[in-house]
N, C-alpha and C. Protein backbone atom coordinates (compact mmCIF):
# COMPACT_ATOMS: atom_id res chain seq x y z
N MET A 1 121.31 134.82 88.61
CA MET A 1 121.77 134.50 87.10
C MET A 1 121.87 136.06 86.68
N ASP A 2 122.72 136.86 86.06
CA ASP A 2 122.49 137.87 85.27
C ASP A 2 122.13 137.53 83.43
N ASN A 3 120.57 137.68 83.60
CA ASN A 3 120.37 138.00 82.03
C ASN A 3 119.86 138.63 81.47
N ARG A 4 120.47 140.13 81.79
CA ARG A 4 120.18 141.34 80.80
C ARG A 4 120.69 141.30 79.44
N PRO A 5 120.39 141.74 78.35
CA PRO A 5 120.96 141.94 76.97
C PRO A 5 122.17 142.77 76.93
N GLY A 6 123.13 141.55 76.53
CA GLY A 6 124.24 142.01 76.65
C GLY A 6 125.39 141.41 77.56
N THR A 7 124.81 140.73 77.80
CA THR A 7 125.77 139.69 79.18
C THR A 7 126.00 138.77 78.65
N ILE A 8 126.85 138.50 79.43
CA ILE A 8 126.84 136.92 78.89
C ILE A 8 125.93 134.93 79.84
N ARG A 9 125.75 134.20 79.61
CA ARG A 9 125.39 133.29 80.38
C ARG A 9 126.28 132.32 80.90
N LYS A 10 126.60 132.35 81.93
CA LYS A 10 127.36 131.53 82.87
C LYS A 10 126.69 130.28 82.05
N ALA A 11 127.98 129.03 82.10
CA ALA A 11 127.77 127.58 82.57
C ALA A 11 126.88 126.54 83.62
N ALA A 12 125.55 126.61 83.00
CA ALA A 12 125.01 126.54 84.11
C ALA A 12 125.79 125.20 84.95
N VAL A 13 125.71 123.86 84.06
CA VAL A 13 125.94 122.58 84.41
C VAL A 13 127.39 122.16 84.26
N SER A 14 128.26 122.75 83.53
CA SER A 14 129.17 122.71 83.64
C SER A 14 130.07 122.17 84.77
N GLY A 15 130.34 120.67 85.08
CA GLY A 15 131.29 120.08 86.14
C GLY A 15 130.31 119.24 86.53
N THR A 16 128.85 118.81 85.70
CA THR A 16 128.46 117.93 86.01
C THR A 16 127.60 116.85 85.13
N PHE A 17 127.31 117.86 84.24
CA PHE A 17 126.46 117.12 82.78
C PHE A 17 128.15 117.25 81.56
N TYR A 18 129.13 117.39 81.83
CA TYR A 18 130.18 117.71 81.36
C TYR A 18 131.71 118.46 81.85
N PRO A 19 132.64 117.94 81.75
CA PRO A 19 133.75 118.45 82.73
C PRO A 19 134.06 119.97 82.84
N SER A 20 134.46 120.87 83.48
CA SER A 20 134.81 121.95 83.99
C SER A 20 135.73 122.49 83.30
N GLU A 21 137.05 121.47 83.36
CA GLU A 21 138.31 121.61 82.32
C GLU A 21 138.05 122.03 80.82
N LEU A 22 139.04 123.14 80.80
CA LEU A 22 139.28 123.12 79.37
C LEU A 22 139.66 121.75 78.67
N CYS A 23 140.91 121.49 78.77
CA CYS A 23 141.24 120.13 78.33
C CYS A 23 140.25 119.03 78.34
N HIS A 24 140.26 118.72 79.51
CA HIS A 24 139.31 117.40 79.51
C HIS A 24 137.72 117.12 78.79
N LEU A 25 136.95 118.59 78.88
CA LEU A 25 136.24 118.34 78.03
C LEU A 25 136.41 118.50 76.16
N ARG A 26 137.93 118.98 75.78
CA ARG A 26 138.07 119.00 74.48
C ARG A 26 138.24 117.57 74.44
N ASP A 27 139.10 117.17 74.32
CA ASP A 27 139.68 115.85 74.78
C ASP A 27 138.13 114.77 74.86
N MET A 28 137.05 114.84 75.20
CA MET A 28 136.06 114.47 74.96
C MET A 28 135.55 114.20 74.31
N VAL A 29 134.88 115.94 73.63
CA VAL A 29 134.80 116.26 72.67
C VAL A 29 135.13 115.39 71.65
N ILE A 30 136.61 115.36 71.33
CA ILE A 30 136.93 115.35 70.21
C ILE A 30 137.15 113.65 70.22
N GLY A 31 137.35 112.96 71.42
CA GLY A 31 137.08 111.58 71.45
C GLY A 31 135.51 110.93 70.74
N PHE A 32 134.15 111.86 71.11
CA PHE A 32 132.86 111.74 70.27
C PHE A 32 133.43 111.50 68.94
N LEU A 33 133.82 112.73 68.78
CA LEU A 33 133.60 112.73 67.30
C LEU A 33 134.46 111.62 66.71
N GLY A 34 135.64 111.47 67.24
CA GLY A 34 136.04 110.17 66.55
C GLY A 34 135.83 108.74 66.65
N GLU A 35 135.16 108.77 67.54
CA GLU A 35 134.42 107.41 67.84
C GLU A 35 133.09 107.41 67.01
N ALA A 36 132.67 108.51 65.82
CA ALA A 36 131.20 107.88 65.23
C ALA A 36 131.24 107.65 63.89
N GLU A 37 130.58 106.26 64.27
CA GLU A 37 130.61 104.99 63.44
C GLU A 37 129.84 105.74 62.52
N GLY A 38 129.83 105.12 61.36
CA GLY A 38 128.85 105.05 60.20
C GLY A 38 129.17 106.25 59.75
N GLY A 39 128.86 106.48 58.26
CA GLY A 39 128.98 107.50 56.90
C GLY A 39 128.32 108.44 57.59
N LEU A 40 128.28 109.77 56.47
CA LEU A 40 127.49 110.72 56.78
C LEU A 40 125.86 110.77 56.17
N VAL A 41 125.24 111.09 56.16
CA VAL A 41 123.72 111.20 55.94
C VAL A 41 123.73 111.68 54.97
N PRO A 42 123.33 111.48 53.26
CA PRO A 42 123.54 112.35 52.20
C PRO A 42 122.73 112.53 51.95
N GLY A 43 122.48 113.56 51.06
CA GLY A 43 121.52 114.72 50.67
C GLY A 43 121.88 116.01 51.56
N GLU A 44 120.59 116.82 51.53
CA GLU A 44 120.55 118.23 52.39
C GLU A 44 120.02 117.97 53.70
N LEU A 45 121.27 118.21 54.67
CA LEU A 45 120.75 117.90 55.82
C LEU A 45 119.89 119.71 56.52
N ILE A 46 118.30 119.55 56.87
CA ILE A 46 117.65 120.76 57.05
C ILE A 46 117.40 120.76 58.67
N ALA A 47 117.67 119.74 59.18
CA ALA A 47 117.77 119.66 60.45
C ALA A 47 118.20 118.99 61.39
N LEU A 48 118.78 119.37 62.72
CA LEU A 48 120.06 118.10 63.74
C LEU A 48 119.32 117.69 64.78
N MET A 49 118.76 116.80 65.30
CA MET A 49 118.44 116.59 66.82
C MET A 49 119.27 116.09 67.61
N THR A 50 120.02 116.71 68.85
CA THR A 50 120.83 115.87 69.47
C THR A 50 120.55 115.80 70.99
N PRO A 51 120.75 114.52 71.97
CA PRO A 51 120.79 114.49 72.94
C PRO A 51 120.60 114.83 73.54
N HIS A 52 119.88 115.37 75.26
CA HIS A 52 120.35 116.59 76.03
C HIS A 52 120.88 115.81 77.06
N ALA A 53 122.14 115.63 77.81
CA ALA A 53 121.90 114.69 78.53
C ALA A 53 123.50 114.90 78.65
N GLY A 54 123.99 114.61 80.58
CA GLY A 54 125.27 114.57 80.66
C GLY A 54 126.01 113.66 79.52
N TYR A 55 127.05 113.99 79.17
CA TYR A 55 127.85 113.65 78.33
C TYR A 55 127.90 112.50 78.51
N ILE A 56 128.86 111.52 79.66
CA ILE A 56 128.55 110.28 79.30
C ILE A 56 127.46 109.53 79.15
N TYR A 57 126.45 109.73 79.06
CA TYR A 57 125.29 109.49 78.80
C TYR A 57 125.21 109.57 77.71
N SER A 58 125.39 110.49 77.05
CA SER A 58 124.66 111.07 75.64
C SER A 58 125.67 111.21 74.50
N GLY A 59 127.17 111.07 75.07
CA GLY A 59 127.97 112.07 74.35
C GLY A 59 128.22 111.22 73.03
N LYS A 60 128.46 109.50 72.72
CA LYS A 60 128.54 109.08 71.32
C LYS A 60 127.55 109.32 70.50
N THR A 61 126.23 109.33 70.85
CA THR A 61 125.16 109.62 69.97
C THR A 61 124.97 111.11 69.38
N ALA A 62 125.61 112.00 70.55
CA ALA A 62 126.11 113.81 70.20
C ALA A 62 127.12 113.22 69.08
N GLY A 63 128.34 113.00 69.56
CA GLY A 63 129.31 112.91 68.56
C GLY A 63 128.84 112.27 67.08
N TRP A 64 128.29 111.33 67.25
CA TRP A 64 127.63 110.71 65.70
C TRP A 64 127.01 112.15 64.95
N ALA A 65 125.98 112.40 65.32
CA ALA A 65 124.91 113.68 65.16
C ALA A 65 126.03 114.72 64.73
N TYR A 66 126.28 115.16 65.41
CA TYR A 66 127.51 116.59 65.02
C TYR A 66 128.36 116.58 64.32
N ARG A 67 129.18 114.99 64.23
CA ARG A 67 129.93 114.56 62.87
C ARG A 67 128.80 115.30 61.36
N GLN A 68 127.90 114.77 61.36
CA GLN A 68 127.24 114.89 60.48
C GLN A 68 127.25 116.36 59.87
N LEU A 69 127.36 117.60 60.61
CA LEU A 69 127.98 119.16 60.27
C LEU A 69 128.89 118.96 59.28
N GLU A 70 129.88 117.38 59.22
CA GLU A 70 131.01 118.18 58.32
C GLU A 70 131.10 118.44 57.21
N ASN A 71 131.87 119.42 57.04
CA ASN A 71 131.80 119.87 55.25
C ASN A 71 130.41 120.33 54.85
N ARG A 72 130.02 120.55 55.62
CA ARG A 72 127.89 121.31 55.26
C ARG A 72 128.30 122.83 55.84
N ALA A 73 127.84 123.71 55.12
CA ALA A 73 126.99 125.00 56.04
C ALA A 73 125.71 124.95 55.99
N TYR A 74 125.64 126.16 57.00
CA TYR A 74 124.61 125.94 57.11
C TYR A 74 124.71 127.56 57.70
N ASP A 75 122.85 128.53 57.90
CA ASP A 75 122.91 129.79 58.09
C ASP A 75 122.61 129.91 59.56
N SER A 76 121.52 129.07 59.90
CA SER A 76 120.99 129.41 61.88
C SER A 76 120.77 128.15 62.18
N ILE A 77 121.66 128.43 63.57
CA ILE A 77 121.38 127.60 64.39
C ILE A 77 120.13 127.74 65.83
N ILE A 78 119.45 126.51 65.71
CA ILE A 78 118.04 127.11 67.73
C ILE A 78 118.85 125.99 67.96
N LEU A 79 118.87 126.94 69.48
CA LEU A 79 118.67 125.75 70.16
C LEU A 79 118.21 125.33 71.23
N LEU A 80 117.47 124.43 71.78
CA LEU A 80 116.28 124.03 72.20
C LEU A 80 116.54 123.78 73.52
N GLY A 81 116.15 124.10 74.79
CA GLY A 81 116.22 123.31 75.75
C GLY A 81 115.33 123.03 77.55
N PRO A 82 115.54 122.71 78.09
CA PRO A 82 114.51 122.78 79.32
C PRO A 82 115.57 123.56 80.14
N SER A 83 114.37 124.07 81.09
CA SER A 83 114.78 125.37 81.62
C SER A 83 115.00 124.20 83.58
N HIS A 84 116.33 124.02 83.89
CA HIS A 84 116.70 123.03 84.76
C HIS A 84 116.34 123.89 86.60
N PHE A 85 116.85 125.18 86.32
CA PHE A 85 116.33 125.60 88.14
C PHE A 85 115.11 126.16 88.19
N ALA A 86 114.80 126.70 87.35
CA ALA A 86 113.39 127.46 87.51
C ALA A 86 112.15 127.08 86.55
N PRO A 87 111.44 126.77 87.32
CA PRO A 87 109.58 126.71 86.15
C PRO A 87 109.39 127.91 85.59
N VAL A 88 109.22 127.70 84.69
CA VAL A 88 108.55 128.41 82.68
C VAL A 88 107.59 127.72 82.76
N ASN A 89 106.35 128.82 82.40
CA ASN A 89 105.43 128.76 82.04
C ASN A 89 104.94 129.36 80.66
N GLY A 90 105.70 128.26 79.71
CA GLY A 90 105.25 128.75 78.32
C GLY A 90 106.57 128.67 77.63
N ILE A 91 107.42 129.77 77.41
CA ILE A 91 108.35 129.37 76.64
C ILE A 91 109.32 130.38 77.64
N ALA A 92 110.60 130.69 77.13
CA ALA A 92 111.78 131.65 77.57
C ALA A 92 112.73 131.98 76.75
N VAL A 93 112.80 133.00 76.55
CA VAL A 93 114.62 133.08 75.37
C VAL A 93 115.14 133.74 75.74
N ALA A 94 116.08 133.22 75.52
CA ALA A 94 118.01 133.87 75.92
C ALA A 94 118.16 135.36 75.58
N THR A 95 118.23 136.19 76.25
CA THR A 95 118.70 137.89 75.95
C THR A 95 120.07 137.86 76.27
N GLU A 96 120.72 136.96 76.67
CA GLU A 96 122.39 137.22 76.44
C GLU A 96 123.06 137.39 75.11
N GLU A 97 123.80 137.65 75.24
CA GLU A 97 124.77 138.02 73.91
C GLU A 97 125.61 136.77 74.13
N ALA A 98 125.61 135.95 74.18
CA ALA A 98 126.76 135.07 74.28
C ALA A 98 126.51 133.68 75.29
N TYR A 99 127.28 132.80 75.51
CA TYR A 99 127.09 131.66 76.12
C TYR A 99 128.24 131.54 76.24
N GLU A 100 129.10 130.96 78.03
CA GLU A 100 130.59 130.82 78.17
C GLU A 100 130.08 129.46 78.12
N THR A 101 131.28 129.08 77.58
CA THR A 101 132.01 127.36 77.87
C THR A 101 132.97 127.36 78.76
N PRO A 102 133.74 126.21 79.27
CA PRO A 102 135.06 125.99 79.30
C PRO A 102 135.68 125.56 77.95
N LEU A 103 134.85 125.78 76.84
CA LEU A 103 135.67 126.12 75.96
C LEU A 103 136.18 127.33 75.44
N GLY A 104 135.34 127.83 75.83
CA GLY A 104 135.52 129.65 75.46
C GLY A 104 134.35 130.23 75.64
N VAL A 105 133.56 131.02 75.30
CA VAL A 105 132.39 132.15 75.01
C VAL A 105 131.95 131.77 73.36
N VAL A 106 130.93 132.04 73.31
CA VAL A 106 130.05 131.29 71.82
C VAL A 106 129.22 132.57 71.69
N SER A 107 129.25 133.57 70.61
CA SER A 107 128.66 134.40 70.43
C SER A 107 127.15 133.81 70.34
N ILE A 108 125.78 134.58 71.25
CA ILE A 108 123.97 133.80 70.48
C ILE A 108 124.64 134.79 69.30
């Protein structure tokens, strides 16, 4: 994996944790957001934690969590996750400028 500054991080688990086809992933995400039951949490949202697992296992919960961002502004997003393919002693920080997803490239 090329992780030099200015590069795009490839989707490491596309096709395993979530569909690799744009239309299937889009439909799945829209479905999870639409199925989110319950209202929005009142007040100021200062943090949001979502599950880290294949969408068939975690999608419904993640959909509810991400729905909490509806009509809210935020300045920063901090994404934490494990290393799936290499051991890390301590912490690793992405140096890429963007993430590639089946839905498109997302700037970091």
